[in-house]
Structure formats: structure tokens, C-alpha cells
Amino acid sequence: MHTESDKISNYLADRKREAVRIDPQTAEVTWWYAETFDPHGVDNPPPVLQQVGREYFARRPGSEIWVWFRRFAGRYVRETLGTA
């Protein structure tokens, strides 16, 4: 049986693996308002850290996995996608 912590760890690990597969030249990029300290909505930050901002996500064409690329992608990707 998987605990909630295991599910969150697996969810974030999936995004980390997916991040290295994203080609900045062909990536689909979007943004939506999300909690800045928990953009994937998997943690429960304390109230003092709960704030909403415009967060950017990228994915490979055809993929269903959106990655918050400021956490997992390098500066090159952020610069290429125009949100450095």
C-alpha cells in the first residue's frame, strides 16, 4: 500500500523524469495561476506561504504531463522558453 507521501514523491519524480525529455525548441508552454510554493498542488504549505502567482509549465508535444520548469529545468530551458 502506498502512503500519501509515496504518491506525492512518485508524482514529483515523474515530473522530474519528464523534464529532461522536454526539448525547449518544440515544447508546449502555458501558464496558470497556482500557489507559488506548491505549483503542482501536492503539498500543503503553511498559511504564511500560501500565495498565488502566475506559474509556467511546459510539456513535450503529445504528452499529458505538465512540468513546472522553474523547479526541474535548467536555466537554458527557462531562457529558451522566455521566462528566465
PDB file of N, CA and C in Angstrom:
ATOM      1  N   MET A   1       0.838  -1.179   0.000  1.00  0.00           N
ATOM      2  CA  MET A   1       0.000   0.000   0.000  1.00  0.00           C
ATOM      3  C   MET A   1       0.883   1.244   0.000  1.00  0.00           C
ATOM      4  N   HIS A   2       0.520   2.202  -0.846  1.00  0.00           N
ATOM      5  CA  HIS A   2       1.284   3.437  -0.940  1.00  0.00           C
ATOM      6  C   HIS A   2       0.683   4.495  -0.031  1.00  0.00           C
ATOM      7  N   THR A   3       1.548   5.170   0.694  1.00  0.00           N
ATOM      8  CA  THR A   3       1.087   6.263   1.545  1.00  0.00           C
ATOM      9  C   THR A   3       0.921   7.516   0.689  1.00  0.00           C
ATOM     10  N   GLU A   4       0.284   8.515   1.238  1.00  0.00           N
ATOM     11  CA  GLU A   4       0.124   9.792   0.529  1.00  0.00           C
ATOM     12  C   GLU A   4       1.485  10.397   0.204  1.00  0.00           C
ATOM     13  N   SER A   5       2.427  10.252   1.120  1.00  0.00           N
ATOM     14  CA  SER A   5       3.782  10.752   0.898  1.00  0.00           C
ATOM     15  C   SER A   5       4.442  10.047  -0.288  1.00  0.00           C
ATOM     16  N   ASP A   6       4.227   8.731  -0.405  1.00  0.00           N
ATOM     17  CA  ASP A   6       4.764   7.966  -1.540  1.00  0.00           C
ATOM     18  C   ASP A   6       4.153   8.456  -2.850  1.00  0.00           C
ATOM     19  N   LYS A   7       2.859   8.706  -2.841  1.00  0.00           N
ATOM     20  CA  LYS A   7       2.180   9.180  -4.052  1.00  0.00           C
ATOM     21  C   LYS A   7       2.733  10.533  -4.494  1.00  0.00           C
ATOM     22  N   ILE A   8       2.946  11.422  -3.536  1.00  0.00           N
ATOM     23  CA  ILE A   8       3.499  12.739  -3.862  1.00  0.00           C
ATOM     24  C   ILE A   8       4.917  12.605  -4.397  1.00  0.00           C
ATOM     25  N   SER A   9       5.718  11.773  -3.747  1.00  0.00           N
ATOM     26  CA  SER A   9       7.098  11.555  -4.201  1.00  0.00           C
ATOM     27  C   SER A   9       7.122  10.993  -5.619  1.00  0.00           C
ATOM     28  N   ASN A  10       6.260  10.034  -5.895  1.00  0.00           N
ATOM     29  CA  ASN A  10       6.189   9.450  -7.231  1.00  0.00           C
ATOM     30  C   ASN A  10       5.720  10.469  -8.261  1.00  0.00           C
ATOM     31  N   TYR A  11       4.730  11.259  -7.899  1.00  0.00           N
ATOM     32  CA  TYR A  11       4.204  12.298  -8.788  1.00  0.00           C
ATOM     33  C   TYR A  11       5.311  13.274  -9.175  1.00  0.00           C
ATOM     34  N   LEU A  12       6.064  13.749  -8.178  1.00  0.00           N
ATOM     35  CA  LEU A  12       7.138  14.701  -8.454  1.00  0.00           C
ATOM     36  C   LEU A  12       8.295  14.045  -9.201  1.00  0.00           C
ATOM     37  N   ALA A  13       8.588  12.788  -8.893  1.00  0.00           N
ATOM     38  CA  ALA A  13       9.642  12.060  -9.606  1.00  0.00           C
ATOM     39  C   ALA A  13       9.270  11.883 -11.078  1.00  0.00           C
ATOM     40  N   ASP A  14       8.000  11.615 -11.353  1.00  0.00           N
ATOM     41  CA  ASP A  14       7.535  11.510 -12.746  1.00  0.00           C
ATOM     42  C   ASP A  14       7.795  12.814 -13.486  1.00  0.00           C
ATOM     43  N   ARG A  15       7.520  13.943 -12.843  1.00  0.00           N
ATOM     44  CA  ARG A  15       7.732  15.239 -13.487  1.00  0.00           C
ATOM     45  C   ARG A  15       9.212  15.529 -13.683  1.00  0.00           C
ATOM     46  N   LYS A  16      10.029  15.112 -12.730  1.00  0.00           N
ATOM     47  CA  LYS A  16      11.468  15.319 -12.863  1.00  0.00           C
ATOM     48  C   LYS A  16      12.020  14.508 -14.035  1.00  0.00           C
ATOM     49  N   ARG A  17      11.563  13.262 -14.166  1.00  0.00           N
ATOM     50  CA  ARG A  17      11.992  12.436 -15.311  1.00  0.00           C
ATOM     51  C   ARG A  17      11.502  13.031 -16.620  1.00  0.00           C
ATOM     52  N   GLU A  18      10.280  13.529 -16.623  1.00  0.00           N
ATOM     53  CA  GLU A  18       9.708  14.107 -17.838  1.00  0.00           C
ATOM     54  C   GLU A  18      10.439  15.391 -18.232  1.00  0.00           C
ATOM     55  N   ALA A  19      10.885  16.144 -17.246  1.00  0.00           N
ATOM     56  CA  ALA A  19      11.541  17.428 -17.523  1.00  0.00           C
ATOM     57  C   ALA A  19      12.759  17.270 -18.425  1.00  0.00           C
ATOM     58  N   VAL A  20      13.532  16.225 -18.232  1.00  0.00           N
ATOM     59  CA  VAL A  20      14.737  16.045 -19.054  1.00  0.00           C
ATOM     60  C   VAL A  20      14.396  15.613 -20.477  1.00  0.00           C
ATOM     61  N   ARG A  21      13.175  15.196 -20.708  1.00  0.00           N
ATOM     62  CA  ARG A  21      12.738  14.771 -22.046  1.00  0.00           C
ATOM     63  C   ARG A  21      12.160  15.923 -22.860  1.00  0.00           C
ATOM     64  N   ILE A  22      11.965  17.070 -22.235  1.00  0.00           N
ATOM     65  CA  ILE A  22      11.367  18.214 -22.925  1.00  0.00           C
ATOM     66  C   ILE A  22      12.430  18.923 -23.745  1.00  0.00           C
ATOM     67  N   ASP A  23      12.172  19.060 -25.025  1.00  0.00           N
ATOM     68  CA  ASP A  23      13.045  19.826 -25.919  1.00  0.00           C
ATOM     69  C   ASP A  23      12.546  21.266 -25.929  1.00  0.00           C
ATOM     70  N   PRO A  24      13.356  22.222 -25.469  1.00  0.00           N
ATOM     71  CA  PRO A  24      12.904  23.612 -25.417  1.00  0.00           C
ATOM     72  C   PRO A  24      12.478  24.163 -26.775  1.00  0.00           C
ATOM     73  N   GLN A  25      13.014  23.615 -27.839  1.00  0.00           N
ATOM     74  CA  GLN A  25      12.683  24.104 -29.178  1.00  0.00           C
ATOM     75  C   GLN A  25      11.275  23.700 -29.627  1.00  0.00           C
ATOM     76  N   THR A  26      10.766  22.605 -29.078  1.00  0.00           N
ATOM     77  CA  THR A  26       9.454  22.120 -29.513  1.00  0.00           C
ATOM     78  C   THR A  26       8.431  22.078 -28.383  1.00  0.00           C
ATOM     79  N   ALA A  27       8.829  22.490 -27.201  1.00  0.00           N
ATOM     80  CA  ALA A  27       7.949  22.387 -26.025  1.00  0.00           C
ATOM     81  C   ALA A  27       6.692  23.222 -26.174  1.00  0.00           C
ATOM     82  N   GLU A  28       5.623  22.709 -25.618  1.00  0.00           N
ATOM     83  CA  GLU A  28       4.391  23.480 -25.471  1.00  0.00           C
ATOM     84  C   GLU A  28       4.484  24.159 -24.112  1.00  0.00           C
ATOM     85  N   VAL A  29       4.184  25.442 -24.076  1.00  0.00           N
ATOM     86  CA  VAL A  29       4.308  26.210 -22.843  1.00  0.00           C
ATOM     87  C   VAL A  29       2.990  26.884 -22.539  1.00  0.00           C
ATOM     88  N   THR A  30       2.634  26.892 -21.274  1.00  0.00           N
ATOM     89  CA  THR A  30       1.444  27.604 -20.840  1.00  0.00           C
ATOM     90  C   THR A  30       1.687  28.100 -19.430  1.00  0.00           C
ATOM     91  N   TRP A  31       0.745  28.808 -18.929  1.00  0.00           N
ATOM     92  CA  TRP A  31       0.799  29.252 -17.535  1.00  0.00           C
ATOM     93  C   TRP A  31      -0.592  29.204 -16.959  1.00  0.00           C
ATOM     94  N   TRP A  32      -0.633  29.098 -15.661  1.00  0.00           N
ATOM     95  CA  TRP A  32      -1.892  29.252 -14.945  1.00  0.00           C
ATOM     96  C   TRP A  32      -1.549  29.739 -13.548  1.00  0.00           C
ATOM     97  N   TYR A  33      -2.547  30.275 -12.891  1.00  0.00           N
ATOM     98  CA  TYR A  33      -2.339  30.730 -11.527  1.00  0.00           C
ATOM     99  C   TYR A  33      -2.275  29.525 -10.602  1.00  0.00           C
ATOM    100  N   ALA A  34      -1.231  29.503  -9.792  1.00  0.00           N
ATOM    101  CA  ALA A  34      -1.023  28.393  -8.863  1.00  0.00           C
ATOM    102  C   ALA A  34      -0.310  28.930  -7.629  1.00  0.00           C
ATOM    103  N   GLU A  35      -0.347  28.144  -6.580  1.00  0.00           N
ATOM    104  CA  GLU A  35       0.401  28.533  -5.397  1.00  0.00           C
ATOM    105  C   GLU A  35       1.893  28.516  -5.730  1.00  0.00           C
ATOM    106  N   THR A  36       2.585  29.607  -5.415  1.00  0.00           N
ATOM    107  CA  THR A  36       3.981  29.720  -5.813  1.00  0.00           C
ATOM    108  C   THR A  36       4.894  28.749  -5.075  1.00  0.00           C
ATOM    109  N   PHE A  37       4.530  28.318  -3.885  1.00  0.00           N
ATOM    110  CA  PHE A  37       5.338  27.359  -3.152  1.00  0.00           C
ATOM    111  C   PHE A  37       4.864  25.928  -3.360  1.00  0.00           C
ATOM    112  N   ASP A  38       3.810  25.746  -4.127  1.00  0.00           N
ATOM    113  CA  ASP A  38       3.269  24.417  -4.404  1.00  0.00           C
ATOM    114  C   ASP A  38       2.533  24.435  -5.745  1.00  0.00           C
ATOM    115  N   PRO A  39       3.253  24.726  -6.825  1.00  0.00           N
ATOM    116  CA  PRO A  39       2.580  24.897  -8.120  1.00  0.00           C
ATOM    117  C   PRO A  39       1.892  23.647  -8.657  1.00  0.00           C
ATOM    118  N   HIS A  40       2.347  22.466  -8.244  1.00  0.00           N
ATOM    119  CA  HIS A  40       1.683  21.237  -8.695  1.00  0.00           C
ATOM    120  C   HIS A  40       0.510  20.870  -7.803  1.00  0.00           C
ATOM    121  N   GLY A  41       0.340  21.589  -6.696  1.00  0.00           N
ATOM    122  CA  GLY A  41      -0.794  21.342  -5.816  1.00  0.00           C
ATOM    123  C   GLY A  41      -0.734  20.027  -5.060  1.00  0.00           C
ATOM    124  N   VAL A  42       0.461  19.602  -4.684  1.00  0.00           N
ATOM    125  CA  VAL A  42       0.590  18.323  -3.997  1.00  0.00           C
ATOM    126  C   VAL A  42       0.975  18.455  -2.527  1.00  0.00           C
ATOM    127  N   ASP A  43       1.493  19.595  -2.137  1.00  0.00           N
ATOM    128  CA  ASP A  43       1.863  19.826  -0.742  1.00  0.00           C
ATOM    129  C   ASP A  43       0.804  20.691  -0.090  1.00  0.00           C
ATOM    130  N   ASN A  44       0.960  20.917   1.158  1.00  0.00           N
ATOM    131  CA  ASN A  44       0.049  21.793   1.870  1.00  0.00           C
ATOM    132  C   ASN A  44       0.889  22.782   2.670  1.00  0.00           C
ATOM    133  N   PRO A  45       1.380  23.842   2.007  1.00  0.00           N
ATOM    134  CA  PRO A  45       2.247  24.783   2.719  1.00  0.00           C
ATOM    135  C   PRO A  45       1.480  25.509   3.824  1.00  0.00           C
ATOM    136  N   PRO A  46       2.208  25.975   4.838  1.00  0.00           N
ATOM    137  CA  PRO A  46       1.541  26.716   5.914  1.00  0.00           C
ATOM    138  C   PRO A  46       0.921  27.994   5.356  1.00  0.00           C
ATOM    139  N   PRO A  47      -0.084  28.513   6.036  1.00  0.00           N
ATOM    140  CA  PRO A  47      -0.786  29.701   5.536  1.00  0.00           C
ATOM    141  C   PRO A  47       0.127  30.869   5.170  1.00  0.00           C
ATOM    142  N   VAL A  48       1.195  31.053   5.911  1.00  0.00           N
ATOM    143  CA  VAL A  48       2.094  32.177   5.629  1.00  0.00           C
ATOM    144  C   VAL A  48       2.765  32.036   4.252  1.00  0.00           C
ATOM    145  N   LEU A  49       2.855  30.824   3.731  1.00  0.00           N
ATOM    146  CA  LEU A  49       3.465  30.585   2.418  1.00  0.00           C
ATOM    147  C   LEU A  49       2.441  30.392   1.300  1.00  0.00           C
ATOM    148  N   GLN A  50       1.192  30.501   1.621  1.00  0.00           N
ATOM    149  CA  GLN A  50       0.159  30.295   0.609  1.00  0.00           C
ATOM    150  C   GLN A  50      -0.106  31.603  -0.126  1.00  0.00           C
ATOM    151  N   GLN A  51       0.457  31.673  -1.315  1.00  0.00           N
ATOM    152  CA  GLN A  51       0.227  32.819  -2.179  1.00  0.00           C
ATOM    153  C   GLN A  51       0.102  32.314  -3.602  1.00  0.00           C
ATOM    154  N   VAL A  52      -0.653  33.005  -4.398  1.00  0.00           N
ATOM    155  CA  VAL A  52      -0.909  32.583  -5.771  1.00  0.00           C
ATOM    156  C   VAL A  52      -0.175  33.518  -6.715  1.00  0.00           C
ATOM    157  N   GLY A  53       0.406  32.925  -7.743  1.00  0.00           N
ATOM    158  CA  GLY A  53       1.109  33.696  -8.752  1.00  0.00           C
ATOM    159  C   GLY A  53       0.994  33.009 -10.098  1.00  0.00           C
ATOM    160  N   ARG A  54       1.492  33.676 -11.101  1.00  0.00           N
ATOM    161  CA  ARG A  54       1.487  33.131 -12.457  1.00  0.00           C
ATOM    162  C   ARG A  54       2.654  32.159 -12.588  1.00  0.00           C
ATOM    163  N   GLU A  55       2.357  30.890 -12.752  1.00  0.00           N
ATOM    164  CA  GLU A  55       3.390  29.864 -12.846  1.00  0.00           C
ATOM    165  C   GLU A  55       3.392  29.251 -14.242  1.00  0.00           C
ATOM    166  N   TYR A  56       4.585  29.009 -14.759  1.00  0.00           N
ATOM    167  CA  TYR A  56       4.752  28.494 -16.115  1.00  0.00           C
ATOM    168  C   TYR A  56       5.017  27.001 -16.099  1.00  0.00           C
ATOM    169  N   PHE A  57       4.427  26.328 -17.071  1.00  0.00           N
ATOM    170  CA  PHE A  57       4.567  24.889 -17.216  1.00  0.00           C
ATOM    171  C   PHE A  57       4.897  24.573 -18.665  1.00  0.00           C
ATOM    172  N   ALA A  58       5.627  23.496 -18.868  1.00  0.00           N
ATOM    173  CA  ALA A  58       5.985  23.060 -20.220  1.00  0.00           C
ATOM    174  C   ALA A  58       5.750  21.561 -20.324  1.00  0.00           C
ATOM    175  N   ARG A  59       5.573  21.122 -21.563  1.00  0.00           N
ATOM    176  CA  ARG A  59       5.435  19.682 -21.812  1.00  0.00           C
ATOM    177  C   ARG A  59       5.907  19.391 -23.229  1.00  0.00           C
ATOM    178  N   ARG A  60       6.210  18.121 -23.453  1.00  0.00           N
ATOM    179  CA  ARG A  60       6.549  17.664 -24.803  1.00  0.00           C
ATOM    180  C   ARG A  60       5.265  17.632 -25.618  1.00  0.00           C
ATOM    181  N   PRO A  61       5.349  17.904 -26.912  1.00  0.00           N
ATOM    182  CA  PRO A  61       4.152  17.775 -27.744  1.00  0.00           C
ATOM    183  C   PRO A  61       3.573  16.366 -27.621  1.00  0.00           C
ATOM    184  N   GLY A  62       2.288  16.282 -27.373  1.00  0.00           N
ATOM    185  CA  GLY A  62       1.616  14.999 -27.241  1.00  0.00           C
ATOM    186  C   GLY A  62       1.618  14.423 -25.840  1.00  0.00           C
ATOM    187  N   SER A  63       2.402  14.993 -24.945  1.00  0.00           N
ATOM    188  CA  SER A  63       2.447  14.497 -23.569  1.00  0.00           C
ATOM    189  C   SER A  63       1.305  15.106 -22.771  1.00  0.00           C
ATOM    190  N   GLU A  64       0.891  14.402 -21.741  1.00  0.00           N
ATOM    191  CA  GLU A  64      -0.135  14.929 -20.847  1.00  0.00           C
ATOM    192  C   GLU A  64       0.463  15.435 -19.539  1.00  0.00           C
ATOM    193  N   ILE A  65       1.789  15.340 -19.413  1.00  0.00           N
ATOM    194  CA  ILE A  65       2.449  15.731 -18.168  1.00  0.00           C
ATOM    195  C   ILE A  65       3.013  17.143 -18.289  1.00  0.00           C
ATOM    196  N   TRP A  66       2.425  18.052 -17.538  1.00  0.00           N
ATOM    197  CA  TRP A  66       2.920  19.429 -17.470  1.00  0.00           C
ATOM    198  C   TRP A  66       3.949  19.515 -16.351  1.00  0.00           C
ATOM    199  N   VAL A  67       5.072  20.159 -16.642  1.00  0.00           N
ATOM    200  CA  VAL A  67       6.168  20.277 -15.681  1.00  0.00           C
ATOM    201  C   VAL A  67       6.381  21.742 -15.341  1.00  0.00           C
ATOM    202  N   TRP A  68       6.391  22.046 -14.057  1.00  0.00           N
ATOM    203  CA  TRP A  68       6.731  23.393 -13.610  1.00  0.00           C
ATOM    204  C   TRP A  68       8.229  23.518 -13.795  1.00  0.00           C
ATOM    205  N   PHE A  69       8.643  24.182 -14.880  1.00  0.00           N
ATOM    206  CA  PHE A  69      10.034  24.058 -15.263  1.00  0.00           C
ATOM    207  C   PHE A  69      10.973  24.928 -14.462  1.00  0.00           C
ATOM    208  N   ARG A  70      10.517  25.809 -13.637  1.00  0.00           N
ATOM    209  CA  ARG A  70      11.459  26.548 -12.781  1.00  0.00           C
ATOM    210  C   ARG A  70      12.065  25.644 -11.718  1.00  0.00           C
ATOM    211  N   ARG A  71      11.385  24.598 -11.348  1.00  0.00           N
ATOM    212  CA  ARG A  71      11.940  23.683 -10.345  1.00  0.00           C
ATOM    213  C   ARG A  71      12.883  22.667 -10.984  1.00  0.00           C
ATOM    214  N   PHE A  72      12.474  22.109 -12.123  1.00  0.00           N
ATOM    215  CA  PHE A  72      13.222  20.986 -12.657  1.00  0.00           C
ATOM    216  C   PHE A  72      14.110  21.301 -13.848  1.00  0.00           C
ATOM    217  N   ALA A  73      13.784  22.284 -14.617  1.00  0.00           N
ATOM    218  CA  ALA A  73      14.551  22.561 -15.829  1.00  0.00           C
ATOM    219  C   ALA A  73      15.676  23.547 -15.529  1.00  0.00           C
ATOM    220  N   GLY A  74      16.701  23.475 -16.314  1.00  0.00           N
ATOM    221  CA  GLY A  74      17.844  24.363 -16.133  1.00  0.00           C
ATOM    222  C   GLY A  74      17.603  25.749 -16.703  1.00  0.00           C
ATOM    223  N   ARG A  75      18.575  26.608 -16.473  1.00  0.00           N
ATOM    224  CA  ARG A  75      18.481  27.993 -16.930  1.00  0.00           C
ATOM    225  C   ARG A  75      18.309  28.055 -18.456  1.00  0.00           C
ATOM    226  N   TYR A  76      18.980  27.163 -19.192  1.00  0.00           N
ATOM    227  CA  TYR A  76      18.859  27.162 -20.653  1.00  0.00           C
ATOM    228  C   TYR A  76      17.404  27.037 -21.090  1.00  0.00           C
ATOM    229  N   VAL A  77      16.693  26.125 -20.458  1.00  0.00           N
ATOM    230  CA  VAL A  77      15.282  25.920 -20.809  1.00  0.00           C
ATOM    231  C   VAL A  77      14.490  27.158 -20.476  1.00  0.00           C
ATOM    232  N   ARG A  78      14.684  27.718 -19.293  1.00  0.00           N
ATOM    233  CA  ARG A  78      13.941  28.920 -18.896  1.00  0.00           C
ATOM    234  C   ARG A  78      14.221  30.065 -19.865  1.00  0.00           C
ATOM    235  N   GLU A  79      15.485  30.232 -20.255  1.00  0.00           N
ATOM    236  CA  GLU A  79      15.834  31.296 -21.190  1.00  0.00           C
ATOM    237  C   GLU A  79      15.208  31.036 -22.565  1.00  0.00           C
ATOM    238  N   THR A  80      15.291  29.793 -23.016  1.00  0.00           N
ATOM    239  CA  THR A  80      14.739  29.439 -24.331  1.00  0.00           C
ATOM    240  C   THR A  80      13.235  29.636 -24.369  1.00  0.00           C
ATOM    241  N   LEU A  81      12.561  29.291 -23.267  1.00  0.00           N
ATOM    242  CA  LEU A  81      11.113  29.412 -23.220  1.00  0.00           C
ATOM    243  C   LEU A  81      10.675  30.825 -22.840  1.00  0.00           C
ATOM    244  N   GLY A  82      11.636  31.683 -22.528  1.00  0.00           N
ATOM    245  CA  GLY A  82      11.340  33.084 -22.332  1.00  0.00           C
ATOM    246  C   GLY A  82      10.817  33.483 -20.972  1.00  0.00           C
ATOM    247  N   THR A  83      11.153  32.734 -19.929  1.00  0.00           N
ATOM    248  CA  THR A  83      10.665  33.112 -18.607  1.00  0.00           C
ATOM    249  C   THR A  83      11.797  33.143 -17.590  1.00  0.00           C
ATOM    250  N   ALA A  84      13.014  33.397 -18.029  1.00  0.00           N
ATOM    251  CA  ALA A  84      14.171  33.431 -17.098  1.00  0.00           C
ATOM    252  C   ALA A  84      14.069  34.638 -16.194  1.00  0.00           C
TER     253      ALA A  84
END
